[in-house]
Amino acid sequence: MANEVIEKIKNAVNNLVTLEIITAVGDVMLKDGKVSPVIDYSKNPNVMLTRVDLLQGDITTVFHEEFVTGKYQSLRDFHAGREKEGYEMIKANIAALERLWDFAQKSLGT
């Protein structure tokens, strides 16, 4: 049991390597007749993507020109806000994992 908890914490830390924020305008896929949050890339949506490598500190942002000169310019601010929320969420998740790790170490005697 103790080893399982520690492995889950280690896996969670490994999954925190890349933060990805996507803002997309276009069709989403249908699954079982319901709208799914999966973007239907086969219909060429307009996408703005930010990818942050948390270990290297690299930040890459790419976006369709509609977000710069077209009708979706206002969504740039929305995307920037989501980036900020994403960073704050990662910081909170790391802090929570750190507390959980400390708790596991003390409670499980490892």
Protein backbone atom coordinates (compact mmCIF):
# COMPACT_ATOMS: atom_id res chain seq x y z
CA MET A 1 0.00 0.00 0.00
CA ALA A 2 2.73 2.47 0.95
CA ASN A 3 4.60 1.77 -2.26
CA GLU A 4 1.41 2.26 -4.30
CA VAL A 5 0.81 5.70 -2.79
CA ILE A 6 4.39 6.77 -3.41
CA GLU A 7 4.26 5.48 -7.00
CA LYS A 8 1.06 7.44 -7.64
CA ILE A 9 2.71 10.60 -6.33
CA LYS A 10 5.77 9.99 -8.53
CA ASN A 11 3.53 9.46 -11.57
CA ALA A 12 1.64 12.67 -10.83
CA VAL A 13 4.93 14.59 -10.70
CA ASN A 14 6.03 13.05 -14.01
CA ASN A 15 2.75 14.13 -15.60
CA LEU A 16 3.36 17.75 -14.57
CA VAL A 17 6.18 18.17 -17.07
CA THR A 18 4.20 19.96 -19.79
CA LEU A 19 1.39 22.46 -19.43
CA GLU A 20 -0.75 22.81 -22.55
CA ILE A 21 -3.41 25.47 -23.06
CA ILE A 22 -5.58 25.32 -26.17
CA THR A 23 -8.14 27.87 -27.33
CA ALA A 24 -10.02 26.67 -30.40
CA VAL A 25 -12.87 28.00 -32.50
CA GLY A 26 -14.54 25.38 -34.61
CA ASP A 27 -16.32 22.10 -34.51
CA VAL A 28 -16.06 19.58 -31.72
CA MET A 29 -16.53 15.86 -32.12
CA LEU A 30 -19.73 14.08 -31.26
CA LYS A 31 -19.59 10.96 -29.14
CA ASP A 32 -22.70 8.91 -28.54
CA GLY A 33 -24.77 11.81 -29.87
CA LYS A 34 -23.34 14.20 -27.28
CA VAL A 35 -20.87 17.03 -27.74
CA SER A 36 -17.43 16.05 -26.56
CA PRO A 37 -14.69 18.53 -25.63
CA VAL A 38 -12.48 16.90 -28.26
CA ILE A 39 -11.63 19.26 -31.12
CA ASP A 40 -12.46 17.93 -34.56
CA TYR A 41 -9.17 18.71 -36.31
CA SER A 42 -10.49 17.19 -39.54
CA LYS A 43 -12.58 20.36 -39.97
CA ASN A 44 -9.58 22.73 -39.65
CA PRO A 45 -10.51 24.74 -36.54
CA ASN A 46 -8.76 27.99 -35.71
CA VAL A 47 -6.47 27.13 -32.82
CA MET A 48 -4.25 29.00 -30.39
CA LEU A 49 -1.89 26.72 -28.46
CA THR A 50 0.57 27.41 -25.67
CA ARG A 51 2.87 24.65 -24.50
CA VAL A 52 5.10 25.16 -21.44
CA ASP A 53 7.89 22.72 -20.64
CA LEU A 54 8.05 23.10 -16.87
CA LEU A 55 11.45 21.45 -16.55
CA GLN A 56 13.21 23.36 -19.31
CA GLY A 57 11.27 26.59 -18.88
CA ASP A 58 10.51 26.70 -22.62
CA ILE A 59 7.29 28.39 -23.68
CA THR A 60 5.89 27.98 -27.18
CA THR A 61 2.76 29.72 -28.41
CA VAL A 62 1.31 29.25 -31.88
CA PHE A 63 -1.93 30.59 -33.27
CA HIS A 64 -3.94 30.98 -36.41
CA GLU A 65 -3.76 34.45 -37.98
CA GLU A 66 -7.47 35.00 -37.19
CA PHE A 67 -6.37 35.53 -33.56
CA VAL A 68 -4.04 38.34 -34.67
CA THR A 69 -5.77 40.23 -37.47
CA GLY A 70 -9.15 38.56 -37.79
CA LYS A 71 -12.41 38.19 -36.00
CA TYR A 72 -10.95 36.23 -33.07
CA GLN A 73 -8.56 38.94 -31.82
CA SER A 74 -10.56 39.31 -28.62
CA LEU A 75 -9.85 35.68 -27.74
CA ARG A 76 -6.12 36.44 -27.31
CA ASP A 77 -6.88 38.04 -23.93
CA PHE A 78 -9.06 35.07 -23.02
CA HIS A 79 -6.19 32.70 -23.91
CA ALA A 80 -3.69 34.79 -21.91
CA GLY A 81 -6.02 34.55 -18.91
CA ARG A 82 -6.22 30.79 -19.32
CA GLU A 83 -2.41 30.66 -19.44
CA LYS A 84 -2.24 32.54 -16.15
CA GLU A 85 -4.84 30.21 -14.61
CA GLY A 86 -2.85 27.22 -15.89
CA TYR A 87 0.36 28.46 -14.28
CA GLU A 88 -1.43 29.04 -10.97
CA MET A 89 -3.00 25.59 -11.16
CA ILE A 90 0.38 23.96 -11.75
CA LYS A 91 1.90 25.84 -8.81
CA ALA A 92 -0.99 24.73 -6.58
CA ASN A 93 -0.72 21.13 -7.81
CA ILE A 94 3.01 21.03 -7.14
CA ALA A 95 2.49 22.43 -3.64
CA ALA A 96 -0.25 19.86 -2.98
CA LEU A 97 1.93 17.01 -4.23
CA GLU A 98 4.78 18.23 -2.04
CA ARG A 99 2.50 18.22 1.00
CA LEU A 100 1.14 14.80 0.05
CA TRP A 101 4.69 13.47 -0.38
CA ASP A 102 5.69 14.78 3.05
CA PHE A 103 2.53 13.30 4.56
CA ALA A 104 3.18 9.93 2.89
CA GLN A 105 6.78 9.91 4.08
CA LYS A 106 5.74 10.61 7.68
CA SER A 107 2.62 8.45 7.78
CA LEU A 108 3.94 5.46 5.91
CA GLY A 109 7.38 5.51 7.49
CA THR A 110 9.31 5.43 4.25
